[in-house]
C-alpha atoms as a PDB file:
ATOM      1  CA  MET A   1     -40.881  41.259  -4.884  1.00  0.00           C
ATOM      2  CA  ILE A   2     -38.186  40.272  -2.390  1.00  0.00           C
ATOM      3  CA  LYS A   3     -39.577  36.742  -2.212  1.00  0.00           C
ATOM      4  CA  ILE A   4     -39.497  36.436  -6.008  1.00  0.00           C
ATOM      5  CA  ARG A   5     -35.894  37.699  -6.106  1.00  0.00           C
ATOM      6  CA  HIS A   6     -34.743  35.272  -3.402  1.00  0.00           C
ATOM      7  CA  SER A   7     -36.642  32.367  -4.984  1.00  0.00           C
ATOM      8  CA  PHE A   8     -34.968  33.070  -8.316  1.00  0.00           C
ATOM      9  CA  ALA A   9     -31.529  33.193  -6.652  1.00  0.00           C
ATOM     10  CA  VAL A  10     -32.125  29.814  -5.013  1.00  0.00           C
ATOM     11  CA  LYS A  11     -33.077  28.280  -8.333  1.00  0.00           C
ATOM     12  CA  VAL A  12     -30.018  29.733 -10.031  1.00  0.00           C
ATOM     13  CA  VAL A  13     -27.728  28.336  -7.331  1.00  0.00           C
ATOM     14  CA  ARG A  14     -29.350  24.932  -7.557  1.00  0.00           C
ATOM     15  CA  TRP A  15     -29.039  24.823 -11.342  1.00  0.00           C
ATOM     16  CA  VAL A  16     -25.429  25.934 -11.173  1.00  0.00           C
ATOM     17  CA  LEU A  17     -24.701  23.170  -8.661  1.00  0.00           C
ATOM     18  CA  LEU A  18     -26.540  20.608 -10.760  1.00  0.00           C
ATOM     19  CA  LEU A  19     -24.463  21.534 -13.789  1.00  0.00           C
ATOM     20  CA  ALA A  20     -21.138  22.224 -12.084  1.00  0.00           C
ATOM     21  CA  VAL A  21     -20.935  19.206  -9.762  1.00  0.00           C
ATOM     22  CA  PRO A  22     -21.067  16.527 -12.532  1.00  0.00           C
ATOM     23  CA  VAL A  23     -18.587  18.479 -14.663  1.00  0.00           C
ATOM     24  CA  PHE A  24     -16.352  18.922 -11.641  1.00  0.00           C
ATOM     25  CA  PHE A  25     -16.377  15.242 -10.727  1.00  0.00           C
ATOM     26  CA  ALA A  26     -15.833  14.241 -14.338  1.00  0.00           C
ATOM     27  CA  SER A  27     -12.799  16.517 -14.451  1.00  0.00           C
ATOM     28  CA  VAL A  28     -11.516  15.112 -11.175  1.00  0.00           C
ATOM     29  CA  GLY A  29     -12.038  11.564 -12.502  1.00  0.00           C
ATOM     30  CA  VAL A  30      -9.981  12.321 -15.610  1.00  0.00           C
ATOM     31  CA  LEU A  31      -7.322  13.904 -13.400  1.00  0.00           C
ATOM     32  CA  PHE A  32      -7.191  10.802 -11.189  1.00  0.00           C
ATOM     33  CA  TRP A  33      -6.925   8.516 -14.226  1.00  0.00           C
ATOM     34  CA  GLN A  34      -4.114  10.599 -15.700  1.00  0.00           C
ATOM     35  CA  SER A  35      -2.368  10.778 -12.317  1.00  0.00           C
ATOM     36  CA  ARG A  36      -2.577   7.004 -11.820  1.00  0.00           C
ATOM     37  CA  LYS A  37      -1.194   6.456 -15.306  1.00  0.00           C
ATOM     38  CA  MET A  38       1.698   8.825 -14.579  1.00  0.00           C
ATOM     39  CA  VAL A  39       2.408   7.112 -11.252  1.00  0.00           C
ATOM     40  CA  ARG A  40       2.489   3.729 -13.010  1.00  0.00           C
ATOM     41  CA  THR A  41       4.848   5.023 -15.705  1.00  0.00           C
ATOM     42  CA  GLU A  42       7.183   6.613 -13.164  1.00  0.00           C
ATOM     43  CA  SER A  43       7.126   3.437 -11.051  1.00  0.00           C
ATOM     44  CA  VAL A  44       8.094   1.281 -14.030  1.00  0.00           C
ATOM     45  CA  GLU A  45      10.993   3.629 -14.788  1.00  0.00           C
ATOM     46  CA  ARG A  46      12.099   3.599 -11.160  1.00  0.00           C
ATOM     47  CA  ALA A  47      11.890  -0.195 -10.907  1.00  0.00           C
ATOM     48  CA  ASN A  48      13.734  -0.663 -14.198  1.00  0.00           C
ATOM     49  CA  GLY A  49      16.472   1.659 -12.961  1.00  0.00           C
ATOM     50  CA  VAL A  50      16.984  -0.410  -9.810  1.00  0.00           C
ATOM     51  CA  LEU A  51      16.755  -3.605 -11.877  1.00  0.00           C
ATOM     52  CA  SER A  52      19.460  -2.369 -14.267  1.00  0.00           C
ATOM     53  CA  ASN A  53      21.759  -1.383 -11.398  1.00  0.00           C
ATOM     54  CA  THR A  54      21.352  -4.792  -9.763  1.00  0.00           C
ATOM     55  CA  LEU A  55      22.022  -6.556 -13.073  1.00  0.00           C
ATOM     56  CA  GLN A  56      25.217  -4.558 -13.458  1.00  0.00           C
ATOM     57  CA  ARG A  57      26.399  -5.739 -10.044  1.00  0.00           C
ATOM     58  CA  ILE A  58      25.594  -9.358 -10.889  1.00  0.00           C
ATOM     59  CA  ASN A  59      27.280  -9.010 -14.291  1.00  0.00           C
ATOM     60  CA  ARG A  60      30.398  -7.753 -12.529  1.00  0.00           C
ATOM     61  CA  TYR A  61      30.613 -11.091 -10.734  1.00  0.00           C
ATOM     62  CA  LEU A  62      29.885 -13.067 -13.887  1.00  0.00           C
ATOM     63  CA  ILE A  63      32.297 -11.175 -16.137  1.00  0.00           C
ATOM     64  CA  THR A  64      35.064 -11.523 -13.552  1.00  0.00           C
ATOM     65  CA  ALA A  65      34.625 -15.296 -13.545  1.00  0.00           C
ATOM     66  CA  GLU A  66      34.405 -15.501 -17.335  1.00  0.00           C
ATOM     67  CA  THR A  67      37.499 -13.366 -17.911  1.00  0.00           C
ATOM     68  CA  ALA A  68      39.600 -15.194 -15.332  1.00  0.00           C
ATOM     69  CA  THR A  69      38.642 -18.532 -16.877  1.00  0.00           C
ATOM     70  CA  ASN A  70      39.111 -17.547 -20.515  1.00  0.00           C
ATOM     71  CA  ILE A  71      42.526 -15.935 -20.162  1.00  0.00           C
ATOM     72  CA  ASN A  72      43.929 -18.913 -18.259  1.00  0.00           C
ATOM     73  CA  ALA A  73      42.460 -21.676 -20.415  1.00  0.00           C
ATOM     74  CA  TRP A  74      45.314 -21.667 -22.915  1.00  0.00           C
ATOM     75  CA  GLN A  75      47.838 -22.189 -20.106  1.00  0.00           C
ATOM     76  CA  VAL A  76      45.910 -25.215 -18.920  1.00  0.00           C
ATOM     77  CA  GLU A  77      46.030 -26.736 -22.377  1.00  0.00           C
ATOM     78  CA  GLU A  78      49.830 -26.339 -22.442  1.00  0.00           C
ATOM     79  CA  GLN A  79      50.638 -27.352 -18.849  1.00  0.00           C
ATOM     80  CA  LEU A  80      48.896 -30.639 -18.175  1.00  0.00           C
ATOM     81  CA  THR A  81      50.713 -31.600 -14.997  1.00  0.00           C
ATOM     82  CA  PRO A  82      49.091 -31.982 -11.565  1.00  0.00           C
ATOM     83  CA  GLU A  83      51.193 -29.270  -9.925  1.00  0.00           C
ATOM     84  CA  ALA A  84      50.710 -26.804 -12.784  1.00  0.00           C
ATOM     85  CA  LEU A  85      46.929 -27.255 -12.682  1.00  0.00           C
ATOM     86  CA  LYS A  86      46.849 -26.733  -8.921  1.00  0.00           C
ATOM     87  CA  LEU A  87      48.912 -23.554  -9.241  1.00  0.00           C
ATOM     88  CA  LEU A  88      46.538 -22.219 -11.908  1.00  0.00           C
ATOM     89  CA  THR A  89      43.366 -22.827  -9.891  1.00  0.00           C
ATOM     90  CA  ASP A  90      44.999 -21.268  -6.831  1.00  0.00           C
ATOM     91  CA  ARG A  91      46.029 -18.167  -8.772  1.00  0.00           C
ATOM     92  CA  ILE A  92      42.583 -17.704 -10.330  1.00  0.00           C
ATOM     93  CA  VAL A  93      40.861 -17.729  -6.951  1.00  0.00           C
ATOM     94  CA  ARG A  94      43.424 -15.618  -5.102  1.00  0.00           C
ATOM     95  CA  LEU A  95      43.466 -12.876  -7.739  1.00  0.00           C
ATOM     96  CA  ASN A  96      39.685 -12.647  -8.080  1.00  0.00           C
ATOM     97  CA  PRO A  97      37.788 -11.954  -4.846  1.00  0.00           C
ATOM     98  CA  TYR A  98      34.389 -12.482  -6.499  1.00  0.00           C
ATOM     99  CA  ILE A  99      35.220 -16.121  -7.301  1.00  0.00           C
ATOM    100  CA  ASP A 100      34.418 -18.768  -4.673  1.00  0.00           C
ATOM    101  CA  GLY A 101      36.195 -21.685  -6.290  1.00  0.00           C
ATOM    102  CA  CYS A 102      37.931 -23.007  -9.378  1.00  0.00           C
ATOM    103  CA  ASN A 103      38.589 -26.508 -10.647  1.00  0.00           C
ATOM    104  CA  ILE A 104      40.340 -28.051 -13.629  1.00  0.00           C
ATOM    105  CA  SER A 105      39.099 -31.544 -14.437  1.00  0.00           C
ATOM    106  CA  THR A 106      40.535 -33.842 -17.088  1.00  0.00           C
ATOM    107  CA  GLU A 107      39.170 -36.672 -19.163  1.00  0.00           C
ATOM    108  CA  PRO A 108      40.243 -40.252 -18.327  1.00  0.00           C
ATOM    109  CA  GLY A 109      43.634 -41.062 -19.832  1.00  0.00           C
ATOM    110  CA  VAL A 110      44.713 -37.466 -20.398  1.00  0.00           C
ATOM    111  CA  MET A 111      47.224 -37.858 -17.558  1.00  0.00           C
ATOM    112  CA  PRO A 112      48.775 -41.351 -17.704  1.00  0.00           C
ATOM    113  CA  GLN A 113      49.347 -41.420 -13.937  1.00  0.00           C
ATOM    114  CA  TYR A 114      45.635 -40.744 -13.381  1.00  0.00           C
ATOM    115  CA  PRO A 115      43.777 -43.010 -15.831  1.00  0.00           C
ATOM    116  CA  ASN A 116      40.399 -42.306 -14.177  1.00  0.00           C
ATOM    117  CA  GLY A 117      40.704 -38.524 -14.376  1.00  0.00           C
ATOM    118  CA  PHE A 118      42.242 -35.792 -12.275  1.00  0.00           C
ATOM    119  CA  MET A 119      40.770 -32.669 -10.640  1.00  0.00           C
ATOM    120  CA  ALA A 120      42.744 -29.706  -9.296  1.00  0.00           C
ATOM    121  CA  LEU A 121      40.537 -27.752  -6.931  1.00  0.00           C
ATOM    122  CA  THR A 122      40.843 -24.422  -5.094  1.00  0.00           C
ATOM    123  CA  LEU A 123      38.176 -23.141  -2.693  1.00  0.00           C
ATOM    124  CA  ARG A 124      37.751 -19.802  -0.994  1.00  0.00           C
ATOM    125  CA  GLU A 125      36.930 -20.368   2.657  1.00  0.00           C
ATOM    126  CA  SER A 126      35.989 -17.820   5.307  1.00  0.00           C
ATOM    127  CA  ASP A 127      39.463 -16.351   5.749  1.00  0.00           C
ATOM    128  CA  SER A 128      41.726 -18.407   3.508  1.00  0.00           C
ATOM    129  CA  VAL A 129      42.166 -20.144   0.144  1.00  0.00           C
ATOM    130  CA  ARG A 130      42.646 -23.907   0.087  1.00  0.00           C
ATOM    131  CA  THR A 131      44.023 -25.888  -2.876  1.00  0.00           C
ATOM    132  CA  THR A 132      43.839 -29.642  -3.232  1.00  0.00           C
ATOM    133  CA  SER A 133      43.329 -32.380  -5.803  1.00  0.00           C
ATOM    134  CA  ARG A 134      40.774 -35.157  -6.278  1.00  0.00           C
ATOM    135  CA  THR A 135      41.171 -38.473  -8.039  1.00  0.00           C
ATOM    136  CA  ASP A 136      38.114 -40.201  -6.554  1.00  0.00           C
ATOM    137  CA  TYR A 137      35.418 -37.754  -7.654  1.00  0.00           C
ATOM    138  CA  ASP A 138      33.188 -39.053 -10.465  1.00  0.00           C
ATOM    139  CA  TYR A 139      32.412 -35.701 -12.084  1.00  0.00           C
ATOM    140  CA  PHE A 140      31.856 -36.962 -15.636  1.00  0.00           C
ATOM    141  CA  ASN A 141      28.057 -36.872 -15.328  1.00  0.00           C
ATOM    142  CA  GLU A 142      27.880 -33.550 -13.537  1.00  0.00           C
ATOM    143  CA  ARG A 143      25.985 -30.773 -15.347  1.00  0.00           C
ATOM    144  CA  TRP A 144      28.930 -28.374 -15.224  1.00  0.00           C
ATOM    145  CA  TYR A 145      31.022 -30.983 -17.065  1.00  0.00           C
ATOM    146  CA  THR A 146      28.589 -32.567 -19.509  1.00  0.00           C
ATOM    147  CA  ILE A 147      26.759 -29.466 -20.798  1.00  0.00           C
ATOM    148  CA  PRO A 148      29.815 -27.529 -22.087  1.00  0.00           C
ATOM    149  CA  ARG A 149      31.235 -30.792 -23.426  1.00  0.00           C
ATOM    150  CA  VAL A 150      28.107 -31.474 -25.476  1.00  0.00           C
ATOM    151  CA  GLN A 151      27.614 -27.850 -26.535  1.00  0.00           C
ATOM    152  CA  GLU A 152      31.329 -27.493 -27.291  1.00  0.00           C
ATOM    153  CA  LYS A 153      31.445 -23.941 -25.971  1.00  0.00           C
ATOM    154  CA  PRO A 154      31.826 -22.090 -22.663  1.00  0.00           C
ATOM    155  CA  CYS A 155      28.599 -21.562 -20.731  1.00  0.00           C
ATOM    156  CA  TRP A 156      27.075 -20.852 -17.344  1.00  0.00           C
ATOM    157  CA  VAL A 157      25.564 -23.875 -15.614  1.00  0.00           C
ATOM    158  CA  LEU A 158      23.484 -24.017 -12.447  1.00  0.00           C
ATOM    159  CA  HIS A 159      23.777 -27.193 -10.447  1.00  0.00           C
ATOM    160  CA  ARG A 160      23.431 -28.631  -6.987  1.00  0.00           C
ATOM    161  CA  ASP A 161      26.240 -30.463  -5.275  1.00  0.00           C
ATOM    162  CA  LYS A 162      23.848 -32.637  -3.250  1.00  0.00           C
ATOM    163  CA  ASP A 163      26.519 -34.063  -0.987  1.00  0.00           C
ATOM    164  CA  ASN A 164      28.249 -30.668  -0.858  1.00  0.00           C
ATOM    165  CA  LYS A 165      31.540 -32.311  -1.838  1.00  0.00           C
ATOM    166  CA  LEU A 166      32.972 -28.952  -2.817  1.00  0.00           C
ATOM    167  CA  ASN A 167      31.884 -27.351   0.465  1.00  0.00           C
ATOM    168  CA  LEU A 168      31.140 -24.074  -1.325  1.00  0.00           C
ATOM    169  CA  ASN A 169      28.040 -23.021   0.545  1.00  0.00           C
ATOM    170  CA  GLU A 170      25.328 -24.072   2.945  1.00  0.00           C
ATOM    171  CA  ASN A 171      22.880 -25.520   0.439  1.00  0.00           C
ATOM    172  CA  GLY A 172      25.187 -26.774  -2.311  1.00  0.00           C
ATOM    173  CA  MET A 173      23.793 -24.416  -4.954  1.00  0.00           C
ATOM    174  CA  ILE A 174      26.452 -23.256  -7.381  1.00  0.00           C
ATOM    175  CA  ALA A 175      26.671 -21.155 -10.541  1.00  0.00           C
ATOM    176  CA  THR A 176      29.558 -22.445 -12.636  1.00  0.00           C
ATOM    177  CA  TYR A 177      31.201 -20.991 -15.705  1.00  0.00           C
ATOM    178  CA  SER A 178      32.705 -23.930 -17.595  1.00  0.00           C
ATOM    179  CA  TYR A 179      35.224 -23.721 -20.424  1.00  0.00           C
ATOM    180  CA  PRO A 180      35.908 -26.848 -22.523  1.00  0.00           C
ATOM    181  CA  LEU A 181      39.597 -27.639 -23.017  1.00  0.00           C
ATOM    182  CA  ARG A 182      41.125 -29.125 -26.165  1.00  0.00           C
ATOM    183  CA  ASN A 183      44.568 -30.338 -27.116  1.00  0.00           C
ATOM    184  CA  ALA A 184      46.556 -29.347 -30.194  1.00  0.00           C
ATOM    185  CA  ASP A 185      44.603 -31.879 -32.264  1.00  0.00           C
ATOM    186  CA  GLY A 186      41.268 -30.363 -31.225  1.00  0.00           C
ATOM    187  CA  HIS A 187      40.255 -33.288 -29.014  1.00  0.00           C
ATOM    188  CA  PHE A 188      38.322 -32.590 -25.830  1.00  0.00           C
ATOM    189  CA  ILE A 189      40.534 -33.125 -22.776  1.00  0.00           C
ATOM    190  CA  GLY A 190      38.635 -31.593 -19.866  1.00  0.00           C
ATOM    191  CA  ILE A 191      36.983 -28.577 -18.284  1.00  0.00           C
ATOM    192  CA  VAL A 192      38.223 -25.509 -16.445  1.00  0.00           C
ATOM    193  CA  SER A 193      35.447 -23.974 -14.393  1.00  0.00           C
ATOM    194  CA  THR A 194      34.953 -21.200 -11.868  1.00  0.00           C
ATOM    195  CA  GLU A 195      32.268 -21.284  -9.188  1.00  0.00           C
ATOM    196  CA  LEU A 196      30.102 -18.578  -7.668  1.00  0.00           C
ATOM    197  CA  SER A 197      28.003 -19.290  -4.628  1.00  0.00           C
ATOM    198  CA  LEU A 198      24.365 -18.394  -5.221  1.00  0.00           C
ATOM    199  CA  LEU A 199      24.297 -17.134  -1.656  1.00  0.00           C
ATOM    200  CA  HIS A 200      26.459 -14.216  -2.789  1.00  0.00           C
ATOM    201  CA  ILE A 201      24.068 -13.442  -5.625  1.00  0.00           C
ATOM    202  CA  SER A 202      21.112 -13.682  -3.235  1.00  0.00           C
ATOM    203  CA  GLN A 203      22.819 -11.184  -0.930  1.00  0.00           C
ATOM    204  CA  ILE A 204      23.086  -8.732  -3.822  1.00  0.00           C
ATOM    205  CA  LEU A 205      19.394  -9.173  -4.587  1.00  0.00           C
ATOM    206  CA  ALA A 206      18.457  -8.443  -0.979  1.00  0.00           C
ATOM    207  CA  GLU A 207      20.470  -5.234  -0.684  1.00  0.00           C
ATOM    208  CA  GLU A 208      18.575  -2.828  -2.938  1.00  0.00           C
ATOM    209  CA  ARG A 209      14.857  -2.248  -3.411  1.00  0.00           C
ATOM    210  CA  PRO A 210      12.817   0.680  -4.752  1.00  0.00           C
ATOM    211  CA  TYR A 211       9.884   0.110  -2.372  1.00  0.00           C
ATOM    212  CA  PRO A 212       9.600  -1.215   1.208  1.00  0.00           C
ATOM    213  CA  HIS A 213       8.064  -4.578   0.214  1.00  0.00           C
ATOM    214  CA  SER A 214       9.564  -5.066  -3.254  1.00  0.00           C
ATOM    215  CA  TYR A 215      11.900  -7.998  -3.929  1.00  0.00           C
ATOM    216  CA  PHE A 216      13.871  -9.726  -6.698  1.00  0.00           C
ATOM    217  CA  ALA A 217      13.331 -13.135  -8.273  1.00  0.00           C
ATOM    218  CA  LEU A 218      15.957 -14.861 -10.425  1.00  0.00           C
ATOM    219  CA  ILE A 219      15.046 -17.862 -12.603  1.00  0.00           C
ATOM    220  CA  ASP A 220      16.853 -20.020 -15.146  1.00  0.00           C
ATOM    221  CA  GLU A 221      15.802 -21.102 -18.637  1.00  0.00           C
ATOM    222  CA  GLN A 222      13.500 -23.772 -17.182  1.00  0.00           C
ATOM    223  CA  GLY A 223      11.836 -21.335 -14.814  1.00  0.00           C
ATOM    224  CA  ARG A 224      13.589 -22.721 -11.728  1.00  0.00           C
ATOM    225  CA  TYR A 225      14.027 -20.243  -8.911  1.00  0.00           C
ATOM    226  CA  ILE A 226      17.680 -19.555  -8.246  1.00  0.00           C
ATOM    227  CA  GLY A 227      17.118 -16.353  -6.312  1.00  0.00           C
ATOM    228  CA  HIS A 228      14.044 -15.568  -4.192  1.00  0.00           C
ATOM    229  CA  PRO A 229      13.327 -14.340  -0.632  1.00  0.00           C
ATOM    230  CA  ASP A 230      11.280 -17.515  -0.068  1.00  0.00           C
ATOM    231  CA  THR A 231      14.173 -19.989   0.163  1.00  0.00           C
ATOM    232  CA  SER A 232      11.791 -22.975  -0.029  1.00  0.00           C
ATOM    233  CA  ARG A 233      11.374 -22.204  -3.741  1.00  0.00           C
ATOM    234  CA  LEU A 234      15.059 -22.216  -4.597  1.00  0.00           C
ATOM    235  CA  PHE A 235      16.178 -24.687  -7.240  1.00  0.00           C
ATOM    236  CA  ASP A 236      13.475 -27.310  -6.605  1.00  0.00           C
ATOM    237  CA  LYS A 237      10.479 -25.214  -7.697  1.00  0.00           C
ATOM    238  CA  THR A 238       9.724 -23.307 -10.876  1.00  0.00           C
ATOM    239  CA  ILE A 239       7.636 -20.236 -11.587  1.00  0.00           C
ATOM    240  CA  PHE A 240       5.241 -22.602 -13.375  1.00  0.00           C
ATOM    241  CA  SER A 241       4.943 -25.211 -10.624  1.00  0.00           C
ATOM    242  CA  VAL A 242       4.038 -22.703  -7.890  1.00  0.00           C
ATOM    243  CA  ALA A 243       1.259 -21.127  -9.984  1.00  0.00           C
ATOM    244  CA  ASP A 244      -2.241 -22.437 -10.653  1.00  0.00           C
ATOM    245  CA  ALA A 245      -2.625 -22.605 -14.439  1.00  0.00           C
ATOM    246  CA  GLU A 246      -6.313 -21.610 -14.249  1.00  0.00           C
ATOM    247  CA  GLN A 247      -6.290 -19.097 -11.418  1.00  0.00           C
ATOM    248  CA  GLN A 248      -2.872 -17.535 -12.080  1.00  0.00           C
ATOM    249  CA  ALA A 249      -2.589 -17.321 -15.839  1.00  0.00           C
ATOM    250  CA  ASP A 250      -0.776 -13.996 -15.445  1.00  0.00           C
ATOM    251  CA  ILE A 251       2.069 -15.688 -13.526  1.00  0.00           C
ATOM    252  CA  ILE A 252       2.322 -18.388 -16.208  1.00  0.00           C
ATOM    253  CA  ALA A 253       2.491 -15.691 -18.902  1.00  0.00           C
ATOM    254  CA  LEU A 254       5.212 -13.899 -16.934  1.00  0.00           C
ATOM    255  CA  GLY A 255       7.164 -17.158 -16.701  1.00  0.00           C
ATOM    256  CA  TYR A 256       7.058 -17.662 -20.472  1.00  0.00           C
ATOM    257  CA  GLU A 257       8.189 -14.085 -21.051  1.00  0.00           C
ATOM    258  CA  MET A 258      11.137 -14.472 -18.696  1.00  0.00           C
ATOM    259  CA  THR A 259      12.272 -17.918 -19.883  1.00  0.00           C
ATOM    260  CA  ALA A 260      12.133 -16.623 -23.467  1.00  0.00           C
ATOM    261  CA  GLY A 261      14.729 -14.011 -22.524  1.00  0.00           C
ATOM    262  CA  LYS A 262      12.441 -11.028 -23.066  1.00  0.00           C
ATOM    263  CA  ARG A 263      12.350  -7.757 -21.159  1.00  0.00           C
ATOM    264  CA  GLY A 264       9.343  -5.704 -20.132  1.00  0.00           C
ATOM    265  CA  SER A 265       6.804  -5.146 -17.381  1.00  0.00           C
ATOM    266  CA  MET A 266       3.515  -6.792 -16.415  1.00  0.00           C
ATOM    267  CA  SER A 267       0.734  -6.408 -13.868  1.00  0.00           C
ATOM    268  CA  VAL A 268       0.212  -9.700 -12.021  1.00  0.00           C
ATOM    269  CA  GLU A 269      -1.269 -10.943  -8.774  1.00  0.00           C
ATOM    270  CA  VAL A 270       1.198 -12.465  -6.320  1.00  0.00           C
ATOM    271  CA  ASN A 271      -0.350 -14.073  -3.226  1.00  0.00           C
ATOM    272  CA  ASP A 272      -3.673 -12.376  -4.105  1.00  0.00           C
ATOM    273  CA  GLU A 273      -2.024  -8.947  -4.136  1.00  0.00           C
ATOM    274  CA  PRO A 274      -1.771  -6.841  -7.333  1.00  0.00           C
ATOM    275  CA  CYS A 275       1.867  -6.241  -8.229  1.00  0.00           C
ATOM    276  CA  MET A 276       3.948  -4.603 -10.910  1.00  0.00           C
ATOM    277  CA  VAL A 277       6.749  -6.821 -12.228  1.00  0.00           C
ATOM    278  CA  CYS A 278       9.671  -5.628 -14.364  1.00  0.00           C
ATOM    279  CA  TYR A 279      12.033  -8.225 -15.839  1.00  0.00           C
ATOM    280  CA  MET A 280      15.234  -8.425 -17.893  1.00  0.00           C
ATOM    281  CA  PRO A 281      17.548 -11.213 -19.115  1.00  0.00           C
ATOM    282  CA  VAL A 282      20.955 -11.602 -17.471  1.00  0.00           C
ATOM    283  CA  ASP A 283      23.570 -11.035 -20.192  1.00  0.00           C
ATOM    284  CA  GLY A 284      25.741 -14.016 -21.067  1.00  0.00           C
ATOM    285  CA  THR A 285      23.417 -16.507 -19.359  1.00  0.00           C
ATOM    286  CA  THR A 286      20.021 -18.143 -19.833  1.00  0.00           C
ATOM    287  CA  TRP A 287      18.725 -16.559 -16.613  1.00  0.00           C
ATOM    288  CA  SER A 288      16.186 -13.794 -16.116  1.00  0.00           C
ATOM    289  CA  LEU A 289      15.876 -11.317 -13.253  1.00  0.00           C
ATOM    290  CA  ALA A 290      12.592  -9.727 -12.147  1.00  0.00           C
ATOM    291  CA  ILE A 291      11.691  -7.150  -9.536  1.00  0.00           C
ATOM    292  CA  VAL A 292       8.263  -7.467  -7.910  1.00  0.00           C
ATOM    293  CA  CYS A 293       6.660  -4.264  -6.558  1.00  0.00           C
ATOM    294  CA  PRO A 294       3.279  -4.506  -4.755  1.00  0.00           C
ATOM    295  CA  ASP A 295       0.708  -1.954  -5.905  1.00  0.00           C
ATOM    296  CA  SER A 296       0.139  -1.038  -2.252  1.00  0.00           C
ATOM    297  CA  ASP A 297       3.682   0.369  -2.251  1.00  0.00           C
ATOM    298  CA  VAL A 298       3.635   1.798  -5.756  1.00  0.00           C
ATOM    299  CA  PHE A 299       0.408   3.745  -5.251  1.00  0.00           C
ATOM    300  CA  ARG A 300       0.789   4.598  -1.576  1.00  0.00           C
ATOM    301  CA  GLY A 301       1.311   8.317  -2.239  1.00  0.00           C
ATOM    302  CA  TYR A 302      -1.411   8.318  -4.876  1.00  0.00           C
ATOM    303  CA  HIS A 303      -3.935   6.750  -2.473  1.00  0.00           C
ATOM    304  CA  ARG A 304      -2.980   9.237   0.250  1.00  0.00           C
ATOM    305  CA  LEU A 305      -3.581  12.122  -2.165  1.00  0.00           C
ATOM    306  CA  THR A 306      -6.884  10.596  -3.271  1.00  0.00           C
ATOM    307  CA  TYR A 307      -8.070  10.386   0.335  1.00  0.00           C
ATOM    308  CA  ARG A 308      -7.241  14.019   0.953  1.00  0.00           C
ATOM    309  CA  ILE A 309      -9.003  15.204  -2.205  1.00  0.00           C
ATOM    310  CA  VAL A 310     -12.117  13.112  -1.546  1.00  0.00           C
ATOM    311  CA  THR A 311     -12.265  14.421   2.030  1.00  0.00           C
ATOM    312  CA  HIS A 312     -11.906  17.983   0.790  1.00  0.00           C
ATOM    313  CA  HIS A 313     -14.631  17.500  -1.834  1.00  0.00           C
ATOM    314  CA  HIS A 314     -16.958  15.994   0.759  1.00  0.00           C
ATOM    315  CA  GLN A 315     -16.501  19.031   2.957  1.00  0.00           C
ATOM    316  CA  LEU A 316     -17.099  21.306  -0.040  1.00  0.00           C
ATOM    317  CA  LEU A 317     -20.357  19.559  -0.920  1.00  0.00           C
ATOM    318  CA  GLN A 318     -21.525  19.852   2.665  1.00  0.00           C
ATOM    319  CA  GLY A 319     -20.850  23.572   2.494  1.00  0.00           C
ATOM    320  CA  CYS A 320     -22.869  23.839  -0.702  1.00  0.00           C
ATOM    321  CA  TYR A 321     -25.692  21.897   0.898  1.00  0.00           C
ATOM    322  CA  TYR A 322     -25.879  24.229   3.865  1.00  0.00           C
ATOM    323  CA  PHE A 323     -25.475  27.268   1.656  1.00  0.00           C
ATOM    324  CA  SER A 324     -28.471  26.457  -0.544  1.00  0.00           C
ATOM    325  CA  PRO A 325     -31.072  26.107   2.262  1.00  0.00           C
ATOM    326  CA  SER A 326     -29.762  29.258   3.881  1.00  0.00           C
ATOM    327  CA  ILE A 327     -30.842  31.219   0.817  1.00  0.00           C
ATOM    328  CA  GLY A 328     -34.203  29.601   0.980  1.00  0.00           C
ATOM    329  CA  ARG A 329     -34.548  30.486   4.655  1.00  0.00           C
ATOM    330  CA  ALA A 330     -33.491  34.034   3.899  1.00  0.00           C
ATOM    331  CA  ALA A 331     -36.410  34.271   1.496  1.00  0.00           C
END
């Protein structure tokens, strides 16, 4: 009678385990899936928050340059003398610490004494502001001069001063806000422009990050890198040229999203590592800023929790295993 009772108890325990274990693991699986989804959602929100804060800091630089240029443009159009133009560029730079340089450049013939054109130029150096003029600088084919002239409106232009004539930074990379000037008859007479060193923007991008290995990437409308921790990519390479069209279709898709001025988030592989990328356009420009967060950082806490739960479940199953035979031995 005792043997029958113990044998029945063993069978009941075994059937309970057979039914409970699959249900338990299914429940745990659903919990893990929901938890991973929540971690992803929270990570996107966190990354977008950092991205928005960084964009606000960059916009502060850009708006400062735009405002300083716009409010002084009318004075340039009314005071077309060499000394007046030099005083204006000097004042713009001195009163605006975010601006690295300012120049006012005229069309040939606008100033009779300078038939080939005249440039008033002020540069912010390490501990001073220097103002000068140039009459031997052929700037008429420079991007910062030709693009606003053709478009007939103010705009931000990225360009490289290959010979570093302006001596603005180490690699000659400059973001320029250019405002086309016109006389009373509406004829184009020149450009007033303010310069920001991309090194300053890169420093902003390096200061804040939501995860230990996350980083920012800034590209223009052509996909050219203008901000990236890998300096070998800057300006000469694009998000399309560094990606394999067949093996990295996700990077190509991200590039099209960013150059189209869209905002959102995507899961992509960067250097064979899964990453979450959030991106937004930079207001007032044709640029786009993205923050890249490796999944190894995003899910670090989740993976640690998973390890603990799996270890605990393994120990629980071992206990059940030893418990079941013990009943049998008791019989």
